[in-house]
Amino acid sequence: MSVIAVHAIITPKPEHVNDVQTEMLNMVRASRQEEGNLRYDLLREEKDGTVRFHVQERYRDREATQAHRDSAHYQAYRAKAGEWFASAPEVTVLEEIDVA
């Protein structure tokens, strides 16, 4: 089984930047407690007046990745934050081959 890395880019509507950041900080705390989570980092990018959040995640395996998506805190976040996004989150799921 390979470790799974996930990179997500979230672009909130300008009026919801603080809402998304607050909820994402809650996601960070809860996700880091998941049994199969190895890493969950939140980064903020500001460019040309647009704020984007980058989430870098690592999971023990695909089952742990799915457990994260099925978790109550993830489901609650998606239900609450969906209207706050300027566009759908860009999510890339990667299987690690050789990572230091």
N, C-alpha and C. Protein backbone atom coordinates (compact mmCIF):
# COMPACT_ATOMS: atom_id res chain seq x y z
N MET A 1 0.84 -1.19 0.00
CA MET A 1 0.00 0.00 0.00
C MET A 1 0.88 1.24 0.00
N SER A 2 0.49 2.21 -0.79
CA SER A 2 1.25 3.44 -0.90
C SER A 2 0.58 4.56 -0.13
N VAL A 3 1.41 5.46 0.35
CA VAL A 3 0.91 6.66 1.00
C VAL A 3 0.25 7.52 -0.07
N ILE A 4 -0.85 8.16 0.28
CA ILE A 4 -1.60 9.01 -0.63
C ILE A 4 -1.43 10.46 -0.22
N ALA A 5 -1.08 11.30 -1.19
CA ALA A 5 -0.97 12.74 -0.97
C ALA A 5 -2.14 13.41 -1.69
N VAL A 6 -2.70 14.40 -1.05
CA VAL A 6 -3.80 15.16 -1.65
C VAL A 6 -3.41 16.63 -1.60
N HIS A 7 -3.61 17.31 -2.71
CA HIS A 7 -3.41 18.76 -2.75
C HIS A 7 -4.71 19.37 -3.23
N ALA A 8 -5.27 20.26 -2.42
CA ALA A 8 -6.51 20.93 -2.78
C ALA A 8 -6.29 22.43 -2.80
N ILE A 9 -6.91 23.08 -3.77
CA ILE A 9 -6.88 24.54 -3.87
C ILE A 9 -8.31 25.03 -3.75
N ILE A 10 -8.52 25.90 -2.78
CA ILE A 10 -9.86 26.41 -2.48
C ILE A 10 -9.85 27.92 -2.71
N THR A 11 -10.75 28.39 -3.56
CA THR A 11 -10.86 29.82 -3.85
C THR A 11 -12.19 30.31 -3.32
N PRO A 12 -12.17 31.03 -2.18
CA PRO A 12 -13.42 31.54 -1.63
C PRO A 12 -13.86 32.82 -2.33
N LYS A 13 -15.15 33.08 -2.26
CA LYS A 13 -15.65 34.39 -2.68
C LYS A 13 -15.01 35.42 -1.75
N PRO A 14 -14.72 36.62 -2.24
CA PRO A 14 -14.04 37.63 -1.41
C PRO A 14 -14.72 37.88 -0.07
N GLU A 15 -16.02 37.89 -0.04
CA GLU A 15 -16.75 38.17 1.20
C GLU A 15 -16.74 36.98 2.17
N HIS A 16 -16.21 35.85 1.74
CA HIS A 16 -16.20 34.66 2.60
C HIS A 16 -14.79 34.15 2.92
N VAL A 17 -13.77 34.95 2.64
CA VAL A 17 -12.40 34.53 2.91
C VAL A 17 -12.23 34.16 4.38
N ASN A 18 -12.67 35.02 5.29
CA ASN A 18 -12.51 34.74 6.72
C ASN A 18 -13.33 33.54 7.16
N ASP A 19 -14.53 33.38 6.61
CA ASP A 19 -15.36 32.22 6.94
C ASP A 19 -14.66 30.92 6.55
N VAL A 20 -14.13 30.89 5.34
CA VAL A 20 -13.46 29.69 4.85
C VAL A 20 -12.21 29.41 5.69
N GLN A 21 -11.44 30.45 5.99
CA GLN A 21 -10.23 30.24 6.79
C GLN A 21 -10.57 29.69 8.18
N THR A 22 -11.59 30.24 8.81
CA THR A 22 -12.00 29.77 10.13
C THR A 22 -12.43 28.31 10.08
N GLU A 23 -13.24 27.96 9.10
CA GLU A 23 -13.71 26.58 8.98
C GLU A 23 -12.57 25.63 8.62
N MET A 24 -11.64 26.10 7.78
CA MET A 24 -10.50 25.26 7.42
C MET A 24 -9.60 25.00 8.63
N LEU A 25 -9.44 25.98 9.50
CA LEU A 25 -8.66 25.76 10.72
C LEU A 25 -9.31 24.70 11.60
N ASN A 26 -10.64 24.68 11.63
CA ASN A 26 -11.35 23.61 12.34
C ASN A 26 -11.09 22.26 11.68
N MET A 27 -11.07 22.25 10.33
CA MET A 27 -10.78 21.01 9.60
C MET A 27 -9.36 20.53 9.89
N VAL A 28 -8.42 21.45 9.98
CA VAL A 28 -7.04 21.07 10.28
C VAL A 28 -6.98 20.31 11.60
N ARG A 29 -7.58 20.90 12.63
CA ARG A 29 -7.53 20.27 13.96
C ARG A 29 -8.19 18.89 13.96
N ALA A 30 -9.36 18.80 13.36
CA ALA A 30 -10.08 17.52 13.36
C ALA A 30 -9.38 16.48 12.48
N SER A 31 -8.90 16.89 11.33
CA SER A 31 -8.28 15.94 10.39
C SER A 31 -6.98 15.39 10.93
N ARG A 32 -6.23 16.19 11.65
CA ARG A 32 -4.97 15.71 12.22
C ARG A 32 -5.20 14.63 13.28
N GLN A 33 -6.42 14.52 13.77
CA GLN A 33 -6.74 13.51 14.77
C GLN A 33 -7.17 12.18 14.15
N GLU A 34 -7.41 12.16 12.86
CA GLU A 34 -7.84 10.93 12.19
C GLU A 34 -6.74 9.88 12.25
N GLU A 35 -7.12 8.64 12.45
CA GLU A 35 -6.16 7.55 12.61
C GLU A 35 -5.21 7.42 11.42
N GLY A 36 -5.71 7.54 10.21
CA GLY A 36 -4.89 7.33 9.03
C GLY A 36 -4.25 8.59 8.46
N ASN A 37 -4.43 9.73 9.12
CA ASN A 37 -3.85 10.98 8.64
C ASN A 37 -2.41 11.10 9.07
N LEU A 38 -1.53 11.41 8.13
CA LEU A 38 -0.11 11.60 8.42
C LEU A 38 0.26 13.09 8.45
N ARG A 39 -0.50 13.90 7.73
CA ARG A 39 -0.20 15.34 7.66
C ARG A 39 -1.40 16.07 7.09
N TYR A 40 -1.65 17.27 7.59
CA TYR A 40 -2.75 18.10 7.08
C TYR A 40 -2.35 19.55 7.31
N ASP A 41 -1.93 20.22 6.24
CA ASP A 41 -1.41 21.58 6.34
C ASP A 41 -2.28 22.55 5.54
N LEU A 42 -2.45 23.75 6.07
CA LEU A 42 -3.22 24.81 5.43
C LEU A 42 -2.30 25.97 5.11
N LEU A 43 -2.32 26.41 3.86
CA LEU A 43 -1.50 27.55 3.41
C LEU A 43 -2.41 28.56 2.72
N ARG A 44 -2.01 29.82 2.76
CA ARG A 44 -2.80 30.90 2.15
C ARG A 44 -1.97 31.60 1.09
N GLU A 45 -2.58 31.84 -0.05
CA GLU A 45 -1.95 32.54 -1.16
C GLU A 45 -2.79 33.78 -1.49
N GLU A 46 -2.14 34.92 -1.65
CA GLU A 46 -2.81 36.13 -2.11
C GLU A 46 -2.09 36.62 -3.35
N LYS A 47 -2.83 36.74 -4.44
CA LYS A 47 -2.23 37.17 -5.69
C LYS A 47 -3.26 37.96 -6.48
N ASP A 48 -2.88 39.16 -6.87
CA ASP A 48 -3.76 40.02 -7.67
C ASP A 48 -5.14 40.20 -7.03
N GLY A 49 -5.17 40.33 -5.72
CA GLY A 49 -6.42 40.57 -5.01
C GLY A 49 -7.27 39.33 -4.76
N THR A 50 -6.78 38.18 -5.15
CA THR A 50 -7.53 36.93 -4.95
C THR A 50 -6.83 36.10 -3.88
N VAL A 51 -7.62 35.56 -2.95
CA VAL A 51 -7.10 34.67 -1.92
C VAL A 51 -7.45 33.24 -2.31
N ARG A 52 -6.45 32.38 -2.22
CA ARG A 52 -6.66 30.95 -2.41
C ARG A 52 -6.02 30.22 -1.24
N PHE A 53 -6.67 29.19 -0.78
CA PHE A 53 -6.13 28.34 0.27
C PHE A 53 -5.64 27.05 -0.38
N HIS A 54 -4.47 26.60 0.05
CA HIS A 54 -3.92 25.33 -0.40
C HIS A 54 -3.91 24.39 0.80
N VAL A 55 -4.39 23.20 0.59
CA VAL A 55 -4.40 22.18 1.64
C VAL A 55 -3.52 21.03 1.14
N GLN A 56 -2.51 20.69 1.95
CA GLN A 56 -1.63 19.59 1.62
C GLN A 56 -1.85 18.49 2.65
N GLU A 57 -2.27 17.34 2.16
CA GLU A 57 -2.66 16.24 3.04
C GLU A 57 -1.86 14.99 2.70
N ARG A 58 -1.63 14.14 3.70
CA ARG A 58 -1.01 12.83 3.49
C ARG A 58 -1.78 11.81 4.33
N TYR A 59 -2.07 10.67 3.70
CA TYR A 59 -2.81 9.61 4.37
C TYR A 59 -2.06 8.29 4.23
N ARG A 60 -2.24 7.45 5.19
CA ARG A 60 -1.58 6.14 5.25
C ARG A 60 -1.84 5.32 3.98
N ASP A 61 -3.08 5.40 3.45
CA ASP A 61 -3.46 4.62 2.27
C ASP A 61 -4.79 5.17 1.73
N ARG A 62 -5.28 4.55 0.68
CA ARG A 62 -6.54 5.02 0.06
C ARG A 62 -7.73 4.88 1.01
N GLU A 63 -7.72 3.86 1.85
CA GLU A 63 -8.82 3.69 2.79
C GLU A 63 -8.86 4.85 3.79
N ALA A 64 -7.71 5.30 4.23
CA ALA A 64 -7.66 6.44 5.16
C ALA A 64 -8.12 7.72 4.47
N THR A 65 -7.79 7.85 3.18
CA THR A 65 -8.24 9.01 2.41
C THR A 65 -9.77 9.00 2.34
N GLN A 66 -10.34 7.84 2.07
CA GLN A 66 -11.81 7.74 2.00
C GLN A 66 -12.44 7.96 3.38
N ALA A 67 -11.80 7.47 4.42
CA ALA A 67 -12.33 7.69 5.77
C ALA A 67 -12.38 9.18 6.08
N HIS A 68 -11.39 9.93 5.62
CA HIS A 68 -11.41 11.39 5.80
C HIS A 68 -12.62 11.99 5.09
N ARG A 69 -12.84 11.59 3.86
CA ARG A 69 -13.98 12.13 3.09
C ARG A 69 -15.32 11.75 3.72
N ASP A 70 -15.36 10.61 4.38
CA ASP A 70 -16.59 10.15 5.01
C ASP A 70 -16.79 10.70 6.42
N SER A 71 -15.77 11.35 6.97
CA SER A 71 -15.84 11.81 8.36
C SER A 71 -16.92 12.87 8.56
N ALA A 72 -17.44 12.92 9.76
CA ALA A 72 -18.49 13.89 10.09
C ALA A 72 -17.99 15.32 9.93
N HIS A 73 -16.74 15.59 10.33
CA HIS A 73 -16.25 16.97 10.23
C HIS A 73 -16.05 17.39 8.77
N TYR A 74 -15.63 16.49 7.90
CA TYR A 74 -15.49 16.83 6.49
C TYR A 74 -16.85 17.07 5.85
N GLN A 75 -17.80 16.19 6.14
CA GLN A 75 -19.15 16.34 5.59
C GLN A 75 -19.80 17.64 6.07
N ALA A 76 -19.62 17.97 7.33
CA ALA A 76 -20.19 19.21 7.87
C ALA A 76 -19.56 20.43 7.22
N TYR A 77 -18.24 20.39 7.03
CA TYR A 77 -17.54 21.50 6.38
C TYR A 77 -18.05 21.70 4.96
N ARG A 78 -18.14 20.63 4.19
CA ARG A 78 -18.59 20.75 2.79
C ARG A 78 -20.03 21.28 2.72
N ALA A 79 -20.89 20.82 3.63
CA ALA A 79 -22.27 21.30 3.62
C ALA A 79 -22.35 22.78 3.94
N LYS A 80 -21.51 23.22 4.86
CA LYS A 80 -21.53 24.62 5.29
C LYS A 80 -20.84 25.53 4.29
N ALA A 81 -19.70 25.13 3.78
CA ALA A 81 -18.84 26.03 3.01
C ALA A 81 -19.13 26.07 1.51
N GLY A 82 -19.91 25.16 1.01
CA GLY A 82 -20.13 25.08 -0.43
C GLY A 82 -20.54 26.38 -1.09
N GLU A 83 -21.37 27.15 -0.45
CA GLU A 83 -21.83 28.43 -1.01
C GLU A 83 -20.79 29.52 -0.89
N TRP A 84 -19.71 29.27 -0.15
CA TRP A 84 -18.67 30.28 0.06
C TRP A 84 -17.60 30.25 -1.01
N PHE A 85 -17.60 29.25 -1.88
CA PHE A 85 -16.55 29.09 -2.87
C PHE A 85 -16.85 29.88 -4.14
N ALA A 86 -15.81 30.50 -4.70
CA ALA A 86 -15.95 31.19 -5.98
C ALA A 86 -16.00 30.18 -7.12
N SER A 87 -15.37 29.03 -6.91
CA SER A 87 -15.37 27.94 -7.88
C SER A 87 -15.19 26.63 -7.12
N ALA A 88 -15.45 25.55 -7.80
CA ALA A 88 -15.29 24.24 -7.15
C ALA A 88 -13.83 24.04 -6.75
N PRO A 89 -13.57 23.45 -5.58
CA PRO A 89 -12.19 23.18 -5.18
C PRO A 89 -11.48 22.31 -6.22
N GLU A 90 -10.20 22.61 -6.44
CA GLU A 90 -9.36 21.81 -7.33
C GLU A 90 -8.64 20.79 -6.45
N VAL A 91 -8.90 19.51 -6.67
CA VAL A 91 -8.31 18.48 -5.81
C VAL A 91 -7.51 17.50 -6.66
N THR A 92 -6.27 17.29 -6.28
CA THR A 92 -5.41 16.33 -6.95
C THR A 92 -5.02 15.26 -5.93
N VAL A 93 -5.26 14.00 -6.30
CA VAL A 93 -4.91 12.87 -5.44
C VAL A 93 -3.72 12.16 -6.09
N LEU A 94 -2.65 11.99 -5.30
CA LEU A 94 -1.40 11.44 -5.82
C LEU A 94 -0.95 10.25 -4.99
N GLU A 95 -0.41 9.25 -5.64
CA GLU A 95 0.20 8.13 -4.95
C GLU A 95 1.69 8.42 -4.85
N GLU A 96 2.22 8.41 -3.64
CA GLU A 96 3.63 8.71 -3.46
C GLU A 96 4.49 7.54 -3.95
N ILE A 97 5.54 7.88 -4.69
CA ILE A 97 6.46 6.88 -5.22
C ILE A 97 7.79 6.95 -4.46
N ASP A 98 8.40 8.13 -4.41
CA ASP A 98 9.69 8.29 -3.74
C ASP A 98 9.70 9.70 -3.13
N VAL A 99 9.33 9.80 -1.87
CA VAL A 99 9.20 11.09 -1.20
C VAL A 99 10.06 11.08 0.06
N ALA A 100 10.83 12.13 0.25
CA ALA A 100 11.70 12.21 1.43
C ALA A 100 10.90 12.65 2.65
